[in-house]
Amino acid sequence: MKTTEIIEGKTKLLIPSKRTISKKDIVFYNPDMKLSRDISVLVAKAIKPKKFCDLFAGTGARGIRIAKETGMNNILLNDKNPEAFKLMKKNVEINGLDLIIKNSDANSILNEDSFDFIDIDPFGSPVTFIDSAIMALKNNGILAVTATDTSALCGTYPRACRRKYDSTSLRTEYYNELGLRIFLGYIIRSGLKHNLSFTPLFSHCTRHYFRVYLRGEKSRRKCNEAAKKIKFLQHCFRCLNRVFSDLNNLKEKCRCGFKFSNAGPLWSEKFADTTFCKKLEKNIDNKSNQRDILKIIGIIRKEQKIKNPYYNLHRIFQKRGIPAKPTEYIVDNLRANGFYVSKTHFSALGIRSNADVFQLYDIPPLRRIRKYKNKDIV
């Protein structure tokens, strides 16, 4: 296998010269996941784990970067692919590190040892590894998980979502946030079975994948509290209203008179911790070279003030049947009416606000009477 040497962060890496970024690759390395690896390094700096495990290490990029950029050396890199194992070994050597390298099944690794930072970044769905990871996670440990099967989580393939994540997805205009909440909900519900309460520290949706970091704590009381935050999202495809509801309090119809469609179960609370976001921002050494990371962390931190899903303004204007207006004009009108507004990292066309959809329709740029079954929505 021919290799090419690159530099990522402070790390030298040998990667396959020929890459298709698919399962067919001899050894998997995705340059588009550099942002994910950058954030992993920041998380490791913030939590200072004693023992880190990268289950699907590929070239070893994530674990080697954590070792080089945090000084941590109790790191296990694993990949079932024998070619990846050989390349990992070379990458560890050229960086002058002494790390544990294994060529084994992921679940076997988790059954043999315990860790306080476990990273699961498979090609596709991670669901077959979640239970084993929970069992191997130390109390107050960090579980980092990537999902690339976004088509199932985001409503394109609802049967796949039901089969894999035991949840109903919908193809809404905020489909990516809905998918992330279903993903978080699945992991948190899995933890509850083991009396492990997960708290999302940081989550993001970037390009083709979801990435979440959760802290797990053994506590029945906190498990009971977390269980209350697993809800359903009720969406109206007529007026775009959306509300979180408990299973025993699901409404049949929206205020506009149209029947609600239900998604879930899913996580209904914050998908990141604001204090933890500030820690990540402080741990960025070269802020001029990492403006993209600073920007995304800052936006995600500000998003946490609002729990309801974001509004896609393009869809809102389309629904109202009026020409689109600049985003800042809508933002200024909402703020002038006393509402909180922030950007969202999910979409450049999106805003997050504590105004419900009917209050949104009532601001001057969007005010227009539309009739729904003898009811006026202004």
Protein backbone atom coordinates (compact mmCIF):
# COMPACT_ATOMS: atom_id res chain seq x y z
CA MET A 1 0.00 0.00 0.00
CA LYS A 2 1.44 3.36 -1.06
CA THR A 3 1.31 6.09 1.58
CA THR A 4 1.61 9.86 1.71
CA GLU A 5 2.89 11.85 4.68
CA ILE A 6 0.77 14.75 5.91
CA ILE A 7 0.72 17.03 8.95
CA GLU A 8 -2.50 17.36 10.96
CA GLY A 9 -2.32 19.53 14.05
CA LYS A 10 1.10 18.75 15.53
CA THR A 11 1.11 15.20 14.20
CA LYS A 12 2.84 13.51 11.27
CA LEU A 13 0.61 10.93 9.63
CA LEU A 14 1.10 8.36 6.93
CA ILE A 15 -2.17 7.95 5.05
CA PRO A 16 -3.13 5.84 1.99
CA SER A 17 -2.23 7.62 -1.24
CA LYS A 18 -5.41 6.33 -2.90
CA ARG A 19 -8.60 7.11 -0.99
CA THR A 20 -12.29 6.99 -1.89
CA ILE A 21 -13.63 7.72 1.63
CA SER A 22 -15.76 4.58 1.67
CA LYS A 23 -15.82 1.12 3.22
CA LYS A 24 -13.79 -0.07 0.23
CA ASP A 25 -10.71 1.88 1.37
CA ILE A 26 -7.86 -0.39 2.51
CA VAL A 27 -7.34 1.93 5.50
CA PHE A 28 -9.91 4.58 6.28
CA TYR A 29 -8.83 8.22 6.61
CA ASN A 30 -11.27 11.08 6.04
CA PRO A 31 -9.76 14.59 5.78
CA ASP A 32 -13.26 16.07 6.17
CA MET A 33 -13.28 14.75 9.75
CA LYS A 34 -10.37 16.98 10.78
CA LEU A 35 -12.80 19.31 12.58
CA SER A 36 -14.09 16.34 14.57
CA ARG A 37 -10.54 15.39 15.55
CA ASP A 38 -9.71 19.02 16.42
CA ILE A 39 -12.65 19.11 18.82
CA SER A 40 -11.68 15.72 20.29
CA VAL A 41 -8.28 17.17 21.21
CA LEU A 42 -9.97 20.17 22.87
CA VAL A 43 -12.27 17.84 24.82
CA ALA A 44 -9.30 15.76 26.00
CA LYS A 45 -7.53 18.94 27.13
CA ALA A 46 -10.64 20.01 29.05
CA ILE A 47 -11.35 16.72 30.85
CA LYS A 48 -7.77 15.39 31.22
CA PRO A 49 -8.67 11.67 31.02
CA LYS A 50 -6.38 9.03 32.51
CA LYS A 51 -7.19 6.32 29.98
CA PHE A 52 -8.42 6.85 26.42
CA CYS A 53 -9.68 4.25 23.94
CA ASP A 54 -10.15 4.82 20.20
CA LEU A 55 -12.11 1.78 19.01
CA PHE A 56 -11.99 2.50 15.26
CA ALA A 57 -8.65 4.23 14.98
CA GLY A 58 -7.97 3.71 11.25
CA THR A 59 -4.66 5.52 10.71
CA GLY A 60 -4.56 6.39 14.43
CA ALA A 61 -4.98 10.11 13.71
CA ARG A 62 -7.32 10.96 16.60
CA GLY A 63 -5.51 9.08 19.35
CA ILE A 64 -2.02 10.10 18.20
CA ARG A 65 -3.09 13.75 18.05
CA ILE A 66 -4.49 13.52 21.59
CA ALA A 67 -1.19 12.03 22.77
CA LYS A 68 0.92 14.68 20.99
CA GLU A 69 -1.21 17.69 21.89
CA THR A 70 -2.15 16.83 25.49
CA GLY A 71 0.86 14.85 26.70
CA MET A 72 -1.35 11.90 27.56
CA ASN A 73 0.20 8.45 26.98
CA ASN A 74 -2.26 5.89 28.41
CA ILE A 75 -3.99 5.49 25.06
CA LEU A 76 -5.31 2.39 23.34
CA LEU A 77 -5.71 2.45 19.56
CA ASN A 78 -7.67 -0.37 17.97
CA ASP A 79 -8.77 -1.35 14.50
CA LYS A 80 -9.97 -4.73 13.29
CA ASN A 81 -8.44 -4.13 9.86
CA PRO A 82 -4.91 -5.66 9.78
CA GLU A 83 -3.71 -3.06 7.25
CA ALA A 84 -4.91 -0.25 9.52
CA PHE A 85 -3.11 -1.92 12.43
CA LYS A 86 0.19 -1.89 10.48
CA LEU A 87 -0.23 1.76 9.46
CA MET A 88 -1.18 2.80 13.00
CA LYS A 89 1.99 1.17 14.28
CA LYS A 90 4.09 3.17 11.81
CA ASN A 91 2.31 6.42 12.71
CA VAL A 92 2.90 5.87 16.42
CA GLU A 93 6.60 5.18 15.74
CA ILE A 94 7.24 8.24 13.52
CA ASN A 95 5.72 10.44 16.23
CA GLY A 96 7.98 8.94 18.91
CA LEU A 97 5.12 7.66 21.05
CA ASP A 98 4.57 4.57 23.16
CA LEU A 99 0.86 3.70 22.85
CA ILE A 100 -1.10 0.46 23.09
CA ILE A 101 -2.06 -0.75 19.60
CA LYS A 102 -4.50 -3.59 19.04
CA ASN A 103 -5.96 -5.45 16.08
CA SER A 104 -9.18 -6.77 17.58
CA ASP A 105 -12.98 -6.68 17.53
CA ALA A 106 -14.33 -3.47 19.09
CA ASN A 107 -16.74 -5.18 21.48
CA SER A 108 -13.99 -7.56 22.63
CA ILE A 109 -11.79 -4.59 23.57
CA LEU A 110 -14.64 -3.09 25.60
CA ASN A 111 -15.31 -6.40 27.36
CA GLU A 112 -11.67 -6.70 28.45
CA ASP A 113 -11.00 -3.30 30.03
CA SER A 114 -12.51 -0.05 31.31
CA PHE A 115 -11.75 3.54 30.29
CA ASP A 116 -12.66 7.08 31.28
CA PHE A 117 -12.77 8.33 27.66
CA ILE A 118 -14.14 6.05 24.94
CA ASP A 119 -14.36 7.12 21.31
CA ILE A 120 -16.67 5.31 18.88
CA ASP A 121 -16.31 6.49 15.28
CA PRO A 122 -17.41 3.66 12.98
CA PHE A 123 -18.40 3.79 9.33
CA GLY A 124 -22.22 3.95 9.59
CA SER A 125 -24.29 3.36 12.71
CA PRO A 126 -22.62 2.97 16.13
CA VAL A 127 -25.59 1.25 17.82
CA THR A 128 -24.03 -2.23 18.06
CA PHE A 129 -21.23 -0.85 20.25
CA ILE A 130 -23.14 1.43 22.62
CA ASP A 131 -24.06 -1.13 25.30
CA SER A 132 -20.52 -2.53 25.49
CA ALA A 133 -19.11 1.01 25.72
CA ILE A 134 -21.48 1.86 28.56
CA MET A 135 -20.35 -1.23 30.46
CA ALA A 136 -16.67 -0.31 29.92
CA LEU A 137 -17.06 3.37 30.84
CA LYS A 138 -15.79 4.41 34.26
CA ASN A 139 -17.97 6.55 36.53
CA ASN A 140 -17.92 10.19 35.33
CA GLY A 141 -16.24 9.02 32.13
CA ILE A 142 -16.74 10.54 28.67
CA LEU A 143 -18.38 8.71 25.79
CA ALA A 144 -17.78 10.25 22.36
CA VAL A 145 -19.82 8.81 19.49
CA THR A 146 -20.12 9.53 15.77
CA ALA A 147 -23.06 8.55 13.56
CA THR A 148 -22.80 8.81 9.77
CA ASP A 149 -26.12 7.10 9.00
CA THR A 150 -27.86 10.47 9.00
CA SER A 151 -30.41 9.41 6.36
CA ALA A 152 -32.00 7.08 8.92
CA LEU A 153 -31.92 9.60 11.77
CA CYS A 154 -33.11 12.55 9.68
CA GLY A 155 -36.28 11.00 8.26
CA THR A 156 -35.24 9.79 4.81
CA TYR A 157 -35.45 6.15 5.91
CA PRO A 158 -37.84 6.08 8.90
CA ARG A 159 -37.98 2.27 9.04
CA ALA A 160 -34.20 2.13 9.44
CA CYS A 161 -34.48 4.66 12.27
CA ARG A 162 -37.13 2.57 13.99
CA ARG A 163 -35.06 -0.59 13.56
CA LYS A 164 -31.72 0.82 14.70
CA TYR A 165 -32.63 3.58 17.15
CA ASP A 166 -36.08 2.47 18.31
CA SER A 167 -37.44 5.90 17.40
CA THR A 168 -39.68 7.54 14.81
CA SER A 169 -38.07 10.18 12.60
CA LEU A 170 -39.75 12.84 10.45
CA ARG A 171 -38.53 14.73 7.40
CA THR A 172 -39.01 18.25 8.79
CA GLU A 173 -37.22 21.44 7.76
CA TYR A 174 -35.06 21.07 10.91
CA TYR A 175 -34.38 17.40 10.12
CA ASN A 176 -30.73 17.56 11.20
CA GLU A 177 -31.54 18.81 14.71
CA LEU A 178 -34.29 16.22 14.97
CA GLY A 179 -31.79 13.52 13.95
CA LEU A 180 -29.25 14.70 16.53
CA ARG A 181 -31.89 14.63 19.28
CA ILE A 182 -32.97 11.09 18.30
CA PHE A 183 -29.30 10.04 18.37
CA LEU A 184 -28.74 11.59 21.80
CA GLY A 185 -32.00 10.10 23.04
CA TYR A 186 -30.92 6.61 22.01
CA ILE A 187 -27.58 6.82 23.85
CA ILE A 188 -29.14 8.34 26.96
CA ARG A 189 -31.92 5.71 27.03
CA SER A 190 -29.28 3.00 26.64
CA GLY A 191 -27.46 4.41 29.66
CA LEU A 192 -30.61 4.36 31.79
CA LYS A 193 -30.78 0.56 31.46
CA HIS A 194 -27.42 0.40 33.26
CA ASN A 195 -28.25 3.09 35.87
CA LEU A 196 -25.88 5.44 34.04
CA SER A 197 -27.10 9.00 33.61
CA PHE A 198 -25.63 10.72 30.55
CA THR A 199 -25.31 14.50 30.27
CA PRO A 200 -24.49 15.97 26.82
CA LEU A 201 -21.36 18.11 27.10
CA PHE A 202 -21.01 18.98 23.43
CA SER A 203 -22.80 17.89 20.26
CA HIS A 204 -22.60 19.06 16.69
CA CYS A 205 -23.90 18.27 13.22
CA THR A 206 -21.26 18.77 10.54
CA ARG A 207 -21.65 17.85 6.88
CA HIS A 208 -22.52 14.15 6.76
CA TYR A 209 -22.24 13.18 10.44
CA PHE A 210 -23.41 13.72 14.02
CA ARG A 211 -20.85 13.86 16.82
CA VAL A 212 -21.72 13.81 20.54
CA TYR A 213 -19.75 13.91 23.80
CA LEU A 214 -21.55 12.78 26.94
CA ARG A 215 -20.51 12.41 30.58
CA GLY A 216 -21.83 9.27 32.30
CA GLU A 217 -22.58 9.22 36.02
CA LYS A 218 -23.79 6.29 38.11
CA SER A 219 -26.85 7.70 39.89
CA ARG A 220 -30.40 6.39 40.07
CA ARG A 221 -31.70 9.83 41.00
CA LYS A 222 -30.06 11.45 37.98
CA CYS A 223 -31.28 8.60 35.78
CA ASN A 224 -34.84 9.36 36.87
CA GLU A 225 -34.28 13.04 36.07
CA ALA A 226 -32.83 12.20 32.65
CA ALA A 227 -35.76 9.88 31.87
CA LYS A 228 -38.13 12.85 32.28
CA LYS A 229 -36.23 14.69 29.55
CA ILE A 230 -36.84 11.95 27.00
CA LYS A 231 -39.91 13.18 25.14
CA PHE A 232 -41.65 13.25 21.76
CA LEU A 233 -41.60 16.12 19.32
CA GLN A 234 -44.99 16.97 17.83
CA HIS A 235 -44.76 18.69 14.46
CA CYS A 236 -47.52 20.27 12.39
CA PHE A 237 -46.79 20.07 8.67
CA ARG A 238 -49.48 22.67 7.95
CA CYS A 239 -48.35 25.64 10.07
CA LEU A 240 -44.87 24.37 11.12
CA ASN A 241 -45.69 24.48 14.82
CA ARG A 242 -43.53 22.18 16.97
CA VAL A 243 -43.77 21.25 20.67
CA PHE A 244 -42.08 18.74 22.98
CA SER A 245 -44.60 16.49 24.79
CA ASP A 246 -44.48 13.61 27.26
CA LEU A 247 -45.77 10.25 26.06
CA ASN A 248 -48.79 10.51 28.36
CA ASN A 249 -49.57 14.07 27.25
CA LEU A 250 -49.49 13.85 23.44
CA LYS A 251 -51.91 16.20 21.71
CA GLU A 252 -53.91 14.96 18.75
CA LYS A 253 -54.24 18.31 16.97
CA CYS A 254 -52.28 21.52 16.58
CA ARG A 255 -53.75 24.95 17.40
CA CYS A 256 -54.38 25.41 13.68
CA GLY A 257 -56.67 22.35 13.69
CA PHE A 258 -54.34 20.07 11.72
CA LYS A 259 -53.23 16.69 13.06
CA PHE A 260 -49.81 16.53 14.71
CA SER A 261 -47.11 14.13 13.45
CA ASN A 262 -44.94 12.68 16.21
CA ALA A 263 -41.18 12.03 16.29
CA GLY A 264 -39.33 10.24 19.05
CA PRO A 265 -38.56 9.26 21.67
CA LEU A 266 -35.74 11.81 21.68
CA TRP A 267 -33.72 14.15 23.89
CA SER A 268 -35.64 17.37 24.59
CA GLU A 269 -33.08 19.40 26.54
CA LYS A 270 -29.76 21.14 25.83
CA PHE A 271 -27.43 19.28 23.48
CA ALA A 272 -24.33 21.03 24.89
CA ASP A 273 -23.19 22.42 28.24
CA THR A 274 -22.42 26.16 28.12
CA THR A 275 -19.71 25.98 30.80
CA PHE A 276 -18.01 23.13 28.95
CA CYS A 277 -18.20 25.11 25.69
CA LYS A 278 -16.30 27.95 27.38
CA LYS A 279 -13.63 25.46 28.48
CA LEU A 280 -13.23 24.30 24.89
CA GLU A 281 -12.87 27.90 23.70
CA LYS A 282 -10.17 28.60 26.31
CA ASN A 283 -8.21 25.52 25.25
CA ILE A 284 -7.74 26.74 21.68
CA ASP A 285 -4.04 27.65 21.47
CA ASN A 286 -3.87 29.39 18.11
CA LYS A 287 -7.16 31.24 17.78
CA SER A 288 -6.21 32.85 14.45
CA ASN A 289 -5.71 29.41 12.81
CA GLN A 290 -8.78 27.85 14.39
CA ARG A 291 -11.43 30.47 13.73
CA ASP A 292 -13.83 27.89 12.29
CA ILE A 293 -13.77 25.91 15.54
CA LEU A 294 -14.15 29.06 17.66
CA LYS A 295 -17.11 30.10 15.54
CA ILE A 296 -18.96 26.77 15.72
CA ILE A 297 -18.37 26.39 19.48
CA GLY A 298 -19.55 29.97 20.07
CA ILE A 299 -22.73 29.47 18.05
CA ILE A 300 -23.51 26.15 19.78
CA ARG A 301 -22.96 27.75 23.21
CA LYS A 302 -25.44 30.55 22.44
CA GLU A 303 -27.96 28.07 21.01
CA GLN A 304 -28.42 26.37 24.38
CA LYS A 305 -30.63 29.18 25.73
CA ILE A 306 -33.44 27.86 23.51
CA LYS A 307 -34.52 24.22 23.68
CA ASN A 308 -37.10 24.25 20.88
CA PRO A 309 -35.89 23.33 17.35
CA TYR A 310 -34.64 26.08 15.08
CA TYR A 311 -36.70 27.81 12.39
CA ASN A 312 -35.66 27.51 8.74
CA LEU A 313 -36.51 31.00 7.47
CA HIS A 314 -36.64 29.89 3.83
CA ARG A 315 -39.38 27.40 4.76
CA ILE A 316 -41.16 30.00 6.91
CA PHE A 317 -41.35 32.50 4.03
CA GLN A 318 -42.45 29.72 1.71
CA LYS A 319 -45.21 28.71 4.11
CA ARG A 320 -46.40 32.32 4.44
CA GLY A 321 -46.35 32.77 0.67
CA ILE A 322 -44.39 36.02 0.83
CA PRO A 323 -41.00 37.04 -0.63
CA ALA A 324 -37.96 36.25 1.49
CA LYS A 325 -36.44 39.07 3.53
CA PRO A 326 -32.93 39.38 5.01
CA THR A 327 -32.32 37.27 8.10
CA GLU A 328 -31.12 40.28 10.11
CA TYR A 329 -34.43 42.04 9.40
CA ILE A 330 -36.34 39.13 10.97
CA VAL A 331 -33.88 38.94 13.88
CA ASP A 332 -34.23 42.68 14.58
CA ASN A 333 -38.04 42.44 14.53
CA LEU A 334 -38.05 39.50 16.94
CA ARG A 335 -35.69 41.28 19.34
CA ALA A 336 -37.75 44.45 19.12
CA ASN A 337 -40.71 42.36 20.28
CA GLY A 338 -38.78 41.07 23.30
CA PHE A 339 -37.76 37.63 21.99
CA TYR A 340 -34.35 35.99 22.28
CA VAL A 341 -32.76 35.06 18.95
CA SER A 342 -29.53 33.28 18.05
CA LYS A 343 -27.96 31.71 15.00
CA THR A 344 -27.82 27.94 14.72
CA HIS A 345 -24.91 25.80 13.58
CA PHE A 346 -27.39 23.44 11.90
CA SER A 347 -28.22 25.78 9.01
CA ALA A 348 -27.14 29.13 7.58
CA LEU A 349 -30.84 29.75 6.87
CA GLY A 350 -31.86 28.97 10.44
CA ILE A 351 -32.48 30.96 13.61
CA ARG A 352 -33.32 29.81 17.11
CA SER A 353 -35.85 31.80 19.14
CA ASN A 354 -38.10 31.47 22.17
CA ALA A 355 -40.96 32.80 20.02
CA ASP A 356 -43.40 30.05 19.08
CA VAL A 357 -44.44 29.77 15.44
CA PHE A 358 -47.61 31.84 15.96
CA GLN A 359 -45.64 34.63 17.64
CA LEU A 360 -43.15 34.43 14.78
CA TYR A 361 -45.95 34.84 12.24
CA ASP A 362 -47.17 37.90 14.18
CA ILE A 363 -44.08 40.05 13.62
CA PRO A 364 -44.59 42.66 10.83
CA PRO A 365 -42.39 41.02 8.13
CA LEU A 366 -44.35 37.76 8.40
CA ARG A 367 -47.83 39.01 9.29
CA ARG A 368 -50.40 37.74 6.84
CA ILE A 369 -53.80 36.13 7.38
CA ARG A 370 -54.08 32.52 6.23
CA LYS A 371 -57.22 30.49 6.80
CA TYR A 372 -57.10 26.93 8.09
CA LYS A 373 -60.50 25.26 8.51
CA ASN A 374 -62.31 28.47 9.48
CA LYS A 375 -59.47 29.54 11.80
CA ASP A 376 -57.30 32.56 11.15
CA ILE A 377 -53.57 32.47 11.80
CA VAL A 378 -52.12 35.95 11.73
